[in-house]
Protein backbone atom coordinates (compact mmCIF):
# COMPACT_ATOMS: atom_id res chain seq x y z
CA MET A 1 -13.01 40.69 -87.63
CA ILE A 2 -16.60 41.84 -87.29
CA LEU A 3 -18.45 41.38 -84.02
CA PHE A 4 -22.25 41.51 -84.17
CA LYS A 5 -23.92 42.42 -80.89
CA ASP A 6 -27.43 41.34 -81.92
CA THR A 7 -29.02 38.61 -83.99
CA GLY A 8 -30.46 39.46 -87.41
CA THR A 9 -29.46 39.92 -91.04
CA TYR A 10 -26.56 42.22 -91.89
CA PHE A 11 -25.42 43.52 -95.27
CA VAL A 12 -21.71 44.30 -95.44
CA ARG A 13 -19.97 46.21 -98.22
CA MET A 14 -16.17 46.31 -98.27
CA THR A 15 -14.07 48.41 -100.63
CA ASN A 16 -10.33 48.27 -101.25
CA SER A 17 -9.20 51.44 -103.03
CA ALA A 18 -5.54 50.45 -102.74
CA MET A 19 -5.85 47.82 -105.46
CA LYS A 20 -4.42 48.98 -108.80
CA VAL A 21 -7.42 48.42 -111.03
CA SER A 22 -9.58 50.87 -112.95
CA GLU A 23 -12.36 50.63 -110.33
CA PRO A 24 -11.92 50.02 -106.57
CA ALA A 25 -12.58 46.38 -105.68
CA GLU A 26 -15.84 45.86 -103.81
CA VAL A 27 -17.20 42.85 -101.97
CA PHE A 28 -20.77 42.49 -100.78
CA ALA A 29 -21.89 40.00 -98.16
CA GLU A 30 -25.20 39.12 -96.51
CA ILE A 31 -24.68 37.73 -93.04
CA HIS A 32 -27.36 36.01 -90.96
CA VAL A 33 -26.61 36.02 -87.23
CA VAL A 34 -28.93 33.65 -85.40
CA SER A 35 -27.11 33.68 -82.06
CA ASN A 36 -24.42 36.03 -80.88
CA ALA A 37 -23.20 33.75 -78.05
CA THR A 38 -22.47 36.57 -75.63
CA LEU A 39 -23.69 37.40 -72.15
CA SER A 40 -26.17 40.12 -71.30
CA ASP A 41 -25.07 40.15 -67.65
CA LEU A 42 -22.32 38.75 -65.45
CA SER A 43 -22.24 39.41 -61.70
CA VAL A 44 -20.75 38.17 -58.42
CA SER A 45 -22.29 37.99 -54.95
CA ALA A 46 -19.28 39.57 -53.20
CA GLY A 47 -16.89 42.30 -54.32
CA GLU A 48 -17.20 44.07 -57.66
CA LEU A 49 -16.23 43.15 -61.19
CA SER A 50 -13.36 45.22 -62.50
CA PRO A 51 -13.83 46.53 -65.11
CA ALA A 52 -17.62 46.87 -65.05
CA PHE A 53 -19.39 44.23 -67.13
CA SER A 54 -19.60 44.59 -70.91
CA ASN A 55 -20.47 41.67 -73.17
CA ILE A 56 -17.36 42.35 -75.27
CA ILE A 57 -14.93 42.37 -72.32
CA TYR A 58 -13.81 38.86 -71.45
CA ASN A 59 -11.50 39.23 -68.41
CA TYR A 60 -12.56 40.44 -64.96
CA TYR A 61 -10.96 40.82 -61.53
CA VAL A 62 -12.68 40.73 -58.13
CA GLU A 63 -11.09 41.21 -54.70
CA VAL A 64 -12.75 39.91 -51.54
CA GLY A 65 -11.76 39.80 -47.87
CA TYR A 66 -10.43 36.79 -46.01
CA ASP A 67 -13.84 36.16 -44.41
CA THR A 68 -15.41 35.51 -47.84
CA THR A 69 -15.07 31.74 -48.33
CA GLU A 70 -17.47 31.36 -51.26
CA ILE A 71 -18.91 33.43 -54.06
CA THR A 72 -21.87 33.03 -56.41
CA ILE A 73 -21.27 33.81 -60.07
CA SER A 74 -24.39 34.64 -62.10
CA ALA A 75 -24.49 34.91 -65.89
CA PHE A 76 -27.29 35.46 -68.39
CA ALA A 77 -27.25 35.03 -72.18
CA ASN A 78 -28.06 37.72 -74.73
CA ASP A 79 -30.57 35.46 -76.44
CA THR A 80 -32.49 32.25 -75.81
CA ASN A 81 -30.38 30.23 -78.27
CA THR A 82 -27.20 30.71 -76.19
CA ILE A 83 -26.26 28.15 -73.55
CA VAL A 84 -24.48 29.53 -70.48
CA GLY A 85 -22.19 27.14 -68.62
CA GLY A 86 -18.87 26.70 -66.88
CA ASP A 87 -18.22 28.05 -63.39
CA ILE A 88 -21.61 29.54 -62.56
CA GLY A 89 -23.42 29.27 -59.26
CA LEU A 90 -21.79 28.82 -55.84
CA GLN A 91 -17.97 28.57 -55.95
CA GLN A 92 -15.60 27.86 -53.05
CA LEU A 93 -12.65 30.26 -52.59
CA GLN A 94 -9.10 29.48 -51.53
CA VAL A 95 -6.82 32.22 -50.18
CA GLY A 96 -5.16 33.91 -53.17
CA LYS A 97 -6.23 33.85 -56.81
CA ASN A 98 -9.18 31.73 -57.91
CA VAL A 99 -9.81 31.53 -61.67
CA PHE A 100 -13.32 30.82 -62.96
CA THR A 101 -14.47 30.47 -66.57
CA VAL A 102 -18.03 31.21 -67.68
CA THR A 103 -18.91 30.08 -71.21
CA ALA A 104 -21.55 31.31 -73.63
CA GLU A 105 -22.16 28.93 -76.55
CA SER A 106 -24.47 29.39 -79.53
CA GLU A 107 -26.49 26.58 -81.06
CA GLN A 108 -24.06 26.65 -84.02
CA GLY A 109 -21.17 25.83 -81.68
CA ARG A 110 -19.68 29.32 -81.51
CA TRP A 111 -18.57 30.22 -77.98
CA TRP A 112 -16.93 32.90 -75.83
CA ASN A 113 -15.14 32.46 -72.50
CA TYR A 114 -15.52 35.08 -69.79
CA ILE A 115 -12.73 34.78 -67.19
CA VAL A 116 -13.35 35.93 -63.60
CA ILE A 117 -10.31 36.04 -61.29
CA VAL A 118 -11.31 36.31 -57.63
CA ASN A 119 -8.53 37.24 -55.21
CA ARG A 120 -9.34 36.22 -51.64
CA LYS A 121 -7.11 38.18 -49.25
CA SER A 122 -4.97 36.41 -46.67
CA ASP A 123 -5.55 36.67 -42.91
CA VAL A 124 -1.85 37.43 -42.33
CA GLY A 125 -1.48 40.55 -40.25
CA ILE A 126 -4.92 40.27 -38.70
CA THR A 127 -4.60 39.70 -34.98
CA GLU A 128 -7.27 40.04 -32.39
CA VAL A 129 -6.03 40.40 -28.83
CA ALA A 130 -8.42 40.99 -25.99
CA ASN A 131 -7.47 41.37 -22.33
CA TYR A 132 -4.07 39.75 -22.75
CA GLU A 133 -1.06 41.04 -20.89
CA LEU A 134 2.55 40.04 -21.37
CA GLN A 135 4.58 39.77 -18.19
CA VAL A 136 8.27 40.59 -18.61
CA THR A 137 10.43 38.38 -16.38
CA SER A 138 13.89 39.62 -17.45
CA TYR A 139 15.61 41.67 -20.12
CA GLU A 140 18.96 42.12 -21.78
CA ILE A 141 20.34 45.16 -23.58
CA TYR A 142 22.87 44.78 -26.43
CA ASN A 143 24.74 47.38 -28.45
CA ILE A 144 24.46 47.45 -32.24
CA VAL A 145 27.33 44.96 -32.72
CA GLY A 146 25.69 42.40 -30.43
CA GLN A 147 27.76 42.95 -27.26
CA LEU A 148 25.74 42.33 -24.06
CA LEU A 149 25.64 45.53 -21.97
CA LEU A 150 23.06 44.69 -19.27
CA SER A 151 21.22 41.58 -18.11
CA LEU A 152 18.60 42.14 -15.43
CA GLU A 153 16.47 39.60 -13.58
CA THR A 154 15.01 42.06 -11.11
CA LEU A 155 13.17 44.68 -13.02
CA PRO A 156 13.74 48.32 -12.45
CA SER A 157 11.75 50.36 -14.96
CA LEU A 158 13.02 49.68 -18.47
CA GLU A 159 12.56 53.38 -19.24
CA GLN A 160 14.82 54.32 -16.28
CA THR A 161 17.50 51.92 -17.51
CA ILE A 162 17.29 53.26 -21.08
CA ASN A 163 17.69 56.82 -19.82
CA THR A 164 21.08 55.91 -18.36
CA LEU A 165 22.46 54.78 -21.75
CA PRO A 166 24.45 57.13 -24.02
CA SER A 167 23.27 58.00 -27.56
CA GLY A 168 23.32 55.04 -29.92
CA ILE A 169 21.42 52.10 -31.32
CA TYR A 170 20.49 49.26 -28.96
CA ILE A 171 18.75 45.91 -29.09
CA ILE A 172 16.49 44.99 -26.18
CA ARG A 173 15.62 41.34 -25.64
CA GLN A 174 12.77 40.76 -23.18
CA GLN A 175 11.84 37.37 -21.74
CA THR A 176 8.06 37.21 -21.20
CA ASN A 177 5.50 34.69 -19.99
CA ASN A 178 4.79 33.98 -23.69
CA GLY A 179 8.24 33.94 -25.31
CA ILE A 180 10.96 36.43 -26.18
CA LEU A 181 10.37 39.91 -27.59
CA THR A 182 13.18 41.72 -29.38
CA LYS A 183 13.15 45.37 -30.42
CA LYS A 184 15.57 47.97 -31.65
CA ILE A 185 15.74 51.42 -30.04
CA ILE A 186 17.62 54.57 -31.03
CA ILE A 187 18.66 57.00 -28.32
CA ASN A 188 19.48 60.59 -29.30
CA LYS A 189 20.58 62.86 -26.46
């Protein structure tokens, strides 16, 4: 396969010296390329193309944050005879992978697809808490096998209670004004 980057006339000479004839076989061809149907530029309004754009690379990856809900894909042809189409312009983004295809088509009907995969990150794990305080109303302490050791409605300091326990692994279940919190603690004395 021969890929021509520019329009014009090309002269190609091919030789096959492996053929068992008295002279190596030669083939000559004159090729006229009137449109190369590739892009001169491909860009996105958020994030960065990976790898960097090249008109002979056809697959790209972009990662954007959760707050990016749309992206603009821009593409320009290598010559005026190429029609650029597909997913160009403003595109809406869903959380996760979004696949867009940009096409470059010559007037002779030859075309290339450039694939842009945009990964919009999830908001999972992003929590904003401001001036919020949990109020513990009671707690229970269990050993590692799930046996209840203490259940307290009146609250002495949890740290004081923990200091009275021997070495081991414990589960603490705290009832709060906004649900139940459970955590594991390890005591080494």
